[in-house]
Amino acid sequence: MTDLKEEYLRLRCGHVSRQLADVIMIKKTRRNIARLNTVLTEIQAQQSQVEG
């Protein structure tokens, strides 16, 4: 998760400084972070149902 966030930050900085050739990577990385957050939330919800 932290790797994706670091990559996203690097991509954004590269875009701002106009050194980024593939702007689509920002969008893909942001979506990957969202997917991972969704999966983590689902796992936590399942665990709380099992425990509760």
C-alpha atoms as a PDB file:
ATOM      1  CA  MET A   1       0.000   0.000   0.000  1.00  0.00           C
ATOM      2  CA  THR A   2       2.754   2.435   0.904  1.00  0.00           C
ATOM      3  CA  ASP A   3       4.565   1.510  -2.309  1.00  0.00           C
ATOM      4  CA  LEU A   4       1.538   2.535  -4.356  1.00  0.00           C
ATOM      5  CA  LYS A   5       1.174   5.790  -2.453  1.00  0.00           C
ATOM      6  CA  GLU A   6       4.853   6.588  -2.970  1.00  0.00           C
ATOM      7  CA  GLU A   7       4.566   5.801  -6.674  1.00  0.00           C
ATOM      8  CA  TYR A   8       1.487   8.021  -6.947  1.00  0.00           C
ATOM      9  CA  LEU A   9       3.350  10.883  -5.275  1.00  0.00           C
ATOM     10  CA  ARG A  10       6.327  10.436  -7.625  1.00  0.00           C
ATOM     11  CA  LEU A  11       4.028  10.415 -10.647  1.00  0.00           C
ATOM     12  CA  ARG A  12       2.248  13.567  -9.529  1.00  0.00           C
ATOM     13  CA  CYS A  13       5.545  15.351  -8.918  1.00  0.00           C
ATOM     14  CA  GLY A  14       6.782  14.256 -12.327  1.00  0.00           C
ATOM     15  CA  HIS A  15       3.617  15.528 -13.935  1.00  0.00           C
ATOM     16  CA  VAL A  16       3.866  18.910 -12.238  1.00  0.00           C
ATOM     17  CA  SER A  17       7.493  19.296 -13.295  1.00  0.00           C
ATOM     18  CA  ARG A  18       6.550  18.127 -16.825  1.00  0.00           C
ATOM     19  CA  GLN A  19       8.923  15.151 -16.713  1.00  0.00           C
ATOM     20  CA  LEU A  20       6.196  12.519 -16.906  1.00  0.00           C
ATOM     21  CA  ALA A  21       5.693  10.943 -20.320  1.00  0.00           C
ATOM     22  CA  ASP A  22       2.750   8.670 -19.443  1.00  0.00           C
ATOM     23  CA  VAL A  23       0.074  10.711 -17.682  1.00  0.00           C
ATOM     24  CA  ILE A  24      -2.316   7.739 -17.681  1.00  0.00           C
ATOM     25  CA  MET A  25      -0.128   6.058 -15.040  1.00  0.00           C
ATOM     26  CA  ILE A  26      -1.368   8.613 -12.484  1.00  0.00           C
ATOM     27  CA  LYS A  27      -4.952   7.521 -13.084  1.00  0.00           C
ATOM     28  CA  LYS A  28      -4.067   3.819 -13.028  1.00  0.00           C
ATOM     29  CA  THR A  29      -2.106   4.130  -9.789  1.00  0.00           C
ATOM     30  CA  ARG A  30      -4.873   6.121  -8.106  1.00  0.00           C
ATOM     31  CA  ARG A  31      -7.410   3.462  -9.104  1.00  0.00           C
ATOM     32  CA  ASN A  32      -5.153   0.669  -7.834  1.00  0.00           C
ATOM     33  CA  ILE A  33      -4.972   2.411  -4.459  1.00  0.00           C
ATOM     34  CA  ALA A  34      -8.774   2.693  -4.404  1.00  0.00           C
ATOM     35  CA  ARG A  35      -9.151  -0.993  -5.291  1.00  0.00           C
ATOM     36  CA  LEU A  36      -6.795  -1.990  -2.503  1.00  0.00           C
ATOM     37  CA  ASN A  37      -8.663   0.183  -0.008  1.00  0.00           C
ATOM     38  CA  THR A  38     -11.949  -1.421  -1.088  1.00  0.00           C
ATOM     39  CA  VAL A  39     -10.591  -4.933  -0.607  1.00  0.00           C
ATOM     40  CA  LEU A  40      -9.182  -4.048   2.811  1.00  0.00           C
ATOM     41  CA  THR A  41     -12.527  -2.572   3.864  1.00  0.00           C
ATOM     42  CA  GLU A  42     -14.375  -5.692   2.696  1.00  0.00           C
ATOM     43  CA  ILE A  43     -11.997  -7.941   4.631  1.00  0.00           C
ATOM     44  CA  GLN A  44     -12.425  -5.862   7.780  1.00  0.00           C
ATOM     45  CA  ALA A  45     -16.223  -5.972   7.410  1.00  0.00           C
ATOM     46  CA  GLN A  46     -16.162  -9.749   7.040  1.00  0.00           C
ATOM     47  CA  GLN A  47     -13.946 -10.128  10.088  1.00  0.00           C
ATOM     48  CA  SER A  48     -16.209  -7.943  12.198  1.00  0.00           C
ATOM     49  CA  GLN A  49     -19.236 -10.023  11.150  1.00  0.00           C
ATOM     50  CA  VAL A  50     -17.464 -13.237  12.130  1.00  0.00           C
ATOM     51  CA  GLU A  51     -16.386 -11.811  15.485  1.00  0.00           C
ATOM     52  CA  GLY A  52     -19.680 -10.069  16.237  1.00  0.00           C
END
